[in-house]
PDB file of N, CA and C in Angstrom:
ATOM      1  N   MET A   1      82.459 121.413 111.920  1.00  0.00           N
ATOM      2  CA  MET A   1      83.334 120.232 112.021  1.00  0.00           C
ATOM      3  C   MET A   1      82.858 118.796 112.108  1.00  0.00           C
ATOM      4  N   ARG A   2      83.933 118.033 111.191  1.00  0.00           N
ATOM      5  CA  ARG A   2      83.436 116.912 111.095  1.00  0.00           C
ATOM      6  C   ARG A   2      83.283 115.811 112.268  1.00  0.00           C
ATOM      7  N   GLN A   3      82.484 114.859 112.338  1.00  0.00           N
ATOM      8  CA  GLN A   3      82.255 114.064 113.362  1.00  0.00           C
ATOM      9  C   GLN A   3      83.214 112.918 113.300  1.00  0.00           C
ATOM     10  N   ASN A   4      83.370 111.940 114.259  1.00  0.00           N
ATOM     11  CA  ASN A   4      84.353 110.850 114.127  1.00  0.00           C
ATOM     12  C   ASN A   4      84.019 109.959 112.994  1.00  0.00           C
ATOM     13  N   ASN A   5      85.084 109.465 112.220  1.00  0.00           N
ATOM     14  CA  ASN A   5      84.761 108.731 111.054  1.00  0.00           C
ATOM     15  C   ASN A   5      85.367 107.181 111.271  1.00  0.00           C
ATOM     16  N   THR A   6      85.239 106.887 112.441  1.00  0.00           N
ATOM     17  CA  THR A   6      86.030 105.670 112.810  1.00  0.00           C
ATOM     18  C   THR A   6      85.680 104.444 111.741  1.00  0.00           C
ATOM     19  N   THR A   7      84.157 104.321 111.585  1.00  0.00           N
ATOM     20  CA  THR A   7      83.584 103.219 110.782  1.00  0.00           C
ATOM     21  C   THR A   7      84.178 103.345 109.477  1.00  0.00           C
ATOM     22  N   SER A   8      84.666 104.257 108.751  1.00  0.00           N
ATOM     23  CA  SER A   8      85.423 104.485 107.618  1.00  0.00           C
ATOM     24  C   SER A   8      86.690 103.856 107.687  1.00  0.00           C
ATOM     25  N   TRP A   9      87.506 104.348 108.843  1.00  0.00           N
ATOM     26  CA  TRP A   9      88.707 103.558 108.893  1.00  0.00           C
ATOM     27  C   TRP A   9      88.791 102.171 109.238  1.00  0.00           C
ATOM     28  N   VAL A  10      87.670 101.609 109.763  1.00  0.00           N
ATOM     29  CA  VAL A  10      87.446 100.164 110.232  1.00  0.00           C
ATOM     30  C   VAL A  10      87.482  99.384 109.007  1.00  0.00           C
ATOM     31  N   VAL A  11      86.312  99.932 108.152  1.00  0.00           N
ATOM     32  CA  VAL A  11      86.134  99.309 106.538  1.00  0.00           C
ATOM     33  C   VAL A  11      87.233  99.181 106.038  1.00  0.00           C
ATOM     34  N   THR A  12      88.215 100.312 105.833  1.00  0.00           N
ATOM     35  CA  THR A  12      89.177 100.535 105.071  1.00  0.00           C
ATOM     36  C   THR A  12      90.373  99.556 105.694  1.00  0.00           C
ATOM     37  N   GLY A  13      90.466  99.583 106.980  1.00  0.00           N
ATOM     38  CA  GLY A  13      91.412  98.375 107.572  1.00  0.00           C
ATOM     39  C   GLY A  13      91.049  97.044 107.415  1.00  0.00           C
ATOM     40  N   VAL A  14      89.940  96.706 107.423  1.00  0.00           N
ATOM     41  CA  VAL A  14      89.501  95.385 107.211  1.00  0.00           C
ATOM     42  C   VAL A  14      89.390  95.004 105.781  1.00  0.00           C
ATOM     43  N   GLY A  15      89.508  95.616 104.762  1.00  0.00           N
ATOM     44  CA  GLY A  15      89.440  95.625 103.446  1.00  0.00           C
ATOM     45  C   GLY A  15      90.825  95.378 102.871  1.00  0.00           C
ATOM     46  N   ALA A  16      91.837  96.134 103.758  1.00  0.00           N
ATOM     47  CA  ALA A  16      93.346  95.763 103.668  1.00  0.00           C
ATOM     48  C   ALA A  16      93.763  94.513 104.195  1.00  0.00           C
ATOM     49  N   ALA A  17      93.095  94.065 105.235  1.00  0.00           N
ATOM     50  CA  ALA A  17      93.526  92.809 105.748  1.00  0.00           C
ATOM     51  C   ALA A  17      92.712  91.716 104.841  1.00  0.00           C
ATOM     52  N   VAL A  18      91.770  91.764 104.381  1.00  0.00           N
ATOM     53  CA  VAL A  18      91.121  90.638 103.487  1.00  0.00           C
ATOM     54  C   VAL A  18      91.878  90.813 102.288  1.00  0.00           C
ATOM     55  N   THR A  19      92.393  91.821 101.583  1.00  0.00           N
ATOM     56  CA  THR A  19      92.997  91.971 100.468  1.00  0.00           C
ATOM     57  C   THR A  19      94.707  91.185 100.684  1.00  0.00           C
ATOM     58  N   GLY A  20      95.092  91.353 101.825  1.00  0.00           N
ATOM     59  CA  GLY A  20      96.168  90.605 102.156  1.00  0.00           C
ATOM     60  C   GLY A  20      96.050  89.084 102.373  1.00  0.00           C
ATOM     61  N   ALA A  21      94.979  88.796 102.829  1.00  0.00           N
ATOM     62  CA  ALA A  21      94.722  87.188 102.957  1.00  0.00           C
ATOM     63  C   ALA A  21      94.426  86.478 101.543  1.00  0.00           C
ATOM     64  N   GLY A  22      93.877  87.544 100.716  1.00  0.00           N
ATOM     65  CA  GLY A  22      93.613  86.901  99.472  1.00  0.00           C
ATOM     66  C   GLY A  22      94.902  86.827  98.405  1.00  0.00           C
ATOM     67  N   ALA A  23      95.713  87.755  98.830  1.00  0.00           N
ATOM     68  CA  ALA A  23      97.163  87.610  98.148  1.00  0.00           C
ATOM     69  C   ALA A  23      97.867  86.298  98.508  1.00  0.00           C
ATOM     70  N   LEU A  24      97.705  86.067  99.711  1.00  0.00           N
ATOM     71  CA  LEU A  24      98.214  84.633 100.507  1.00  0.00           C
ATOM     72  C   LEU A  24      97.567  83.563 100.087  1.00  0.00           C
ATOM     73  N   VAL A  25      96.513  83.869  99.820  1.00  0.00           N
ATOM     74  CA  VAL A  25      95.741  82.195  99.268  1.00  0.00           C
ATOM     75  C   VAL A  25      96.236  82.091  97.800  1.00  0.00           C
ATOM     76  N   GLY A  26      96.148  83.004  96.996  1.00  0.00           N
ATOM     77  CA  GLY A  26      96.529  82.729  95.602  1.00  0.00           C
ATOM     78  C   GLY A  26      95.644  82.142  94.740  1.00  0.00           C
ATOM     79  N   GLY A  27      95.852  81.892  93.440  1.00  0.00           N
ATOM     80  CA  GLY A  27      94.853  81.388  92.617  1.00  0.00           C
ATOM     81  C   GLY A  27      93.558  82.252  92.222  1.00  0.00           C
ATOM     82  N   SER A  28      92.794  81.596  91.654  1.00  0.00           N
ATOM     83  CA  SER A  28      91.690  82.339  91.283  1.00  0.00           C
ATOM     84  C   SER A  28      90.673  82.590  92.657  1.00  0.00           C
ATOM     85  N   ILE A  29      90.763  81.751  93.561  1.00  0.00           N
ATOM     86  CA  ILE A  29      89.729  81.900  94.907  1.00  0.00           C
ATOM     87  C   ILE A  29      90.546  83.208  95.532  1.00  0.00           C
ATOM     88  N   GLY A  30      92.047  83.290  95.460  1.00  0.00           N
ATOM     89  CA  GLY A  30      92.537  84.530  96.006  1.00  0.00           C
ATOM     90  C   GLY A  30      92.301  85.593  95.407  1.00  0.00           C
ATOM     91  N   ALA A  31      92.183  85.683  93.873  1.00  0.00           N
ATOM     92  CA  ALA A  31      92.082  86.917  93.428  1.00  0.00           C
ATOM     93  C   ALA A  31      90.660  87.231  93.679  1.00  0.00           C
ATOM     94  N   GLY A  32      89.715  86.393  93.852  1.00  0.00           N
ATOM     95  CA  GLY A  32      88.307  86.975  94.261  1.00  0.00           C
ATOM     96  C   GLY A  32      88.231  87.509  95.580  1.00  0.00           C
ATOM     97  N   ILE A  33      88.915  86.998  96.616  1.00  0.00           N
ATOM     98  CA  ILE A  33      89.111  87.669  97.900  1.00  0.00           C
ATOM     99  C   ILE A  33      89.510  88.789  97.923  1.00  0.00           C
ATOM    100  N   ALA A  34      90.778  88.851  97.238  1.00  0.00           N
ATOM    101  CA  ALA A  34      91.480  90.011  97.172  1.00  0.00           C
ATOM    102  C   ALA A  34      90.684  91.104  96.475  1.00  0.00           C
ATOM    103  N   GLY A  35      89.886  90.828  95.311  1.00  0.00           N
ATOM    104  CA  GLY A  35      89.031  91.834  94.896  1.00  0.00           C
ATOM    105  C   GLY A  35      87.868  92.364  95.842  1.00  0.00           C
ATOM    106  N   PHE A  36      87.495  91.490  96.664  1.00  0.00           N
ATOM    107  CA  PHE A  36      86.438  91.615  97.494  1.00  0.00           C
ATOM    108  C   PHE A  36      86.898  92.806  98.571  1.00  0.00           C
ATOM    109  N   GLY A  37      88.320  92.372  99.006  1.00  0.00           N
ATOM    110  CA  GLY A  37      88.822  93.519 100.012  1.00  0.00           C
ATOM    111  C   GLY A  37      89.016  94.710  99.356  1.00  0.00           C
ATOM    112  N   LEU A  38      89.629  94.724  98.165  1.00  0.00           N
ATOM    113  CA  LEU A  38      89.932  95.946  97.362  1.00  0.00           C
ATOM    114  C   LEU A  38      88.576  96.846  97.462  1.00  0.00           C
ATOM    115  N   ALA A  39      87.506  96.136  97.093  1.00  0.00           N
ATOM    116  CA  ALA A  39      86.347  96.907  97.126  1.00  0.00           C
ATOM    117  C   ALA A  39      85.906  97.502  98.408  1.00  0.00           C
ATOM    118  N   HIS A  40      86.198  96.845  99.588  1.00  0.00           N
ATOM    119  CA  HIS A  40      86.074  97.488 100.918  1.00  0.00           C
ATOM    120  C   HIS A  40      86.961  98.579 101.258  1.00  0.00           C
ATOM    121  N   VAL A  41      88.264  98.552 100.622  1.00  0.00           N
ATOM    122  CA  VAL A  41      89.230  99.575 100.576  1.00  0.00           C
ATOM    123  C   VAL A  41      88.364 100.981 100.072  1.00  0.00           C
ATOM    124  N   VAL A  42      87.953 100.714  98.982  1.00  0.00           N
ATOM    125  CA  VAL A  42      87.669 101.955  98.170  1.00  0.00           C
ATOM    126  C   VAL A  42      86.359 102.282  98.593  1.00  0.00           C
ATOM    127  N   LEU A  43      85.469 101.672  99.085  1.00  0.00           N
ATOM    128  CA  LEU A  43      84.225 102.071  99.829  1.00  0.00           C
ATOM    129  C   LEU A  43      84.620 102.810 101.248  1.00  0.00           C
ATOM    130  N   GLY A  44      85.618 102.246 101.788  1.00  0.00           N
ATOM    131  CA  GLY A  44      85.931 102.963 102.955  1.00  0.00           C
ATOM    132  C   GLY A  44      86.535 104.283 102.772  1.00  0.00           C
ATOM    133  N   VAL A  45      87.503 104.445 101.713  1.00  0.00           N
ATOM    134  CA  VAL A  45      87.899 105.732 101.380  1.00  0.00           C
ATOM    135  C   VAL A  45      87.006 106.802 100.998  1.00  0.00           C
ATOM    136  N   LEU A  46      86.055 106.231 100.154  1.00  0.00           N
ATOM    137  CA  LEU A  46      85.097 107.252  99.622  1.00  0.00           C
ATOM    138  C   LEU A  46      83.880 107.636 100.836  1.00  0.00           C
ATOM    139  N   ASP A  47      83.731 106.729 101.725  1.00  0.00           N
ATOM    140  CA  ASP A  47      82.985 107.122 102.944  1.00  0.00           C
ATOM    141  C   ASP A  47      83.671 108.415 103.665  1.00  0.00           C
ATOM    142  N   ASN A  48      84.936 108.257 103.748  1.00  0.00           N
ATOM    143  CA  ASN A  48      85.702 109.393 104.390  1.00  0.00           C
ATOM    144  C   ASN A  48      85.436 110.632 103.907  1.00  0.00           C
ATOM    145  N   PHE A  49      85.121 110.969 102.502  1.00  0.00           N
ATOM    146  CA  PHE A  49      85.014 112.137 101.708  1.00  0.00           C
ATOM    147  C   PHE A  49      83.371 112.428 101.564  1.00  0.00           C
ATOM    148  N   ARG A  50      82.599 111.527 102.041  1.00  0.00           N
ATOM    149  CA  ARG A  50      81.116 111.730 102.035  1.00  0.00           C
ATOM    150  C   ARG A  50      80.917 112.833 103.132  1.00  0.00           C
ATOM    151  N   PRO A  51      80.297 113.941 102.661  1.00  0.00           N
ATOM    152  CA  PRO A  51      79.786 114.991 103.390  1.00  0.00           C
ATOM    153  C   PRO A  51      78.723 114.534 104.540  1.00  0.00           C
ATOM    154  N   THR A  52      78.831 115.092 105.637  1.00  0.00           N
ATOM    155  CA  THR A  52      78.000 114.589 106.755  1.00  0.00           C
ATOM    156  C   THR A  52      76.593 115.268 106.669  1.00  0.00           C
ATOM    157  N   VAL A  53      75.481 114.858 107.025  1.00  0.00           N
ATOM    158  CA  VAL A  53      74.297 115.444 107.256  1.00  0.00           C
ATOM    159  C   VAL A  53      73.952 116.078 108.719  1.00  0.00           C
ATOM    160  N   ARG A  54      73.779 117.191 108.692  1.00  0.00           N
ATOM    161  CA  ARG A  54      73.231 117.923 109.868  1.00  0.00           C
ATOM    162  C   ARG A  54      71.778 118.003 110.226  1.00  0.00           C
ATOM    163  N   ARG A  55      71.149 117.781 111.261  1.00  0.00           N
ATOM    164  CA  ARG A  55      69.933 117.988 111.414  1.00  0.00           C
ATOM    165  C   ARG A  55      69.859 118.628 112.859  1.00  0.00           C
TER     166      ARG A  55
END
């Protein structure tokens, strides 16, 4: 059974919020902010699929 993956969902949600903020800012600075947010979304989703280590 998988453990709770709340951290992955939080990282994904924060990334989505940062992506939205970057889209609102606009310009090249906004594109950088949106890219940073999209990277967090990707990392959060990938972390959801990472196998857990049992000890």
